[in-house]
Protein backbone atom coordinates (compact mmCIF):
# COMPACT_ATOMS: atom_id res chain seq x y z
CA MET A 1 64.50 222.75 -24.88
CA LEU A 2 64.49 218.97 -24.47
CA THR A 3 60.70 218.97 -24.46
CA THR A 4 60.63 220.81 -27.78
CA ILE A 5 63.07 218.35 -29.32
CA ALA A 6 61.03 215.42 -28.00
CA VAL A 7 57.80 216.82 -29.45
CA VAL A 8 59.43 217.43 -32.84
CA LEU A 9 60.84 213.89 -32.86
CA VAL A 10 57.47 212.37 -31.98
CA VAL A 11 55.78 214.31 -34.79
CA LEU A 12 58.48 213.26 -37.26
CA TRP A 13 58.21 209.69 -36.00
CA LEU A 14 54.48 209.69 -36.64
CA LEU A 15 55.03 211.13 -40.12
CA GLY A 16 57.61 208.45 -40.82
CA PHE A 17 55.39 205.74 -39.38
CA PHE A 18 52.42 206.68 -41.53
CA GLY A 19 54.34 208.16 -44.46
CA GLY A 20 56.47 205.27 -45.53
CA TYR A 21 59.42 203.10 -44.78
CA VAL A 22 62.26 205.21 -46.17
CA MET A 23 62.49 207.77 -43.35
CA GLY A 24 60.84 205.53 -40.75
CA GLY A 25 64.07 203.83 -39.65
CA PHE A 26 65.90 207.15 -39.32
CA ILE A 27 63.10 208.71 -37.28
CA HIS A 28 62.92 205.64 -35.03
CA ALA A 29 66.66 205.93 -34.41
CA LEU A 30 66.30 209.62 -33.50
CA LEU A 31 63.42 208.81 -31.17
CA VAL A 32 65.48 206.14 -29.40
CA ILE A 33 68.35 208.62 -28.99
CA ALA A 34 65.98 211.21 -27.52
CA VAL A 35 64.59 208.70 -25.02
CA VAL A 36 68.09 207.58 -23.99
CA LEU A 37 69.19 211.20 -23.46
CA PHE A 38 66.05 211.86 -21.42
CA LEU A 39 66.73 208.82 -19.22
CA ILE A 40 70.36 209.85 -18.72
CA ARG A 41 69.22 213.27 -17.50
CA VAL A 42 66.74 211.67 -15.09
CA ILE A 43 69.33 209.23 -13.73
CA GLN A 44 71.86 212.02 -13.22
CA GLY A 45 69.28 213.94 -11.21
CA ARG A 46 68.89 216.89 -13.57
CA ASN A 47 65.55 218.38 -14.44
CA PRO A 48 64.57 216.48 -17.61
CA LEU A 49 62.02 219.07 -18.73
CA LYS A 50 64.29 222.09 -18.59
């Protein structure tokens, strides 16, 4: 589940990065949130890819 969300966010981030500046900031914020959630799961000892 988390992997799917991460892949979708990366694709949207790339679209925002190459597509313009309007959605770019929003996509970057979502990507940062996804990375933070991933790191929290790793630190807590849960399987981050499940």
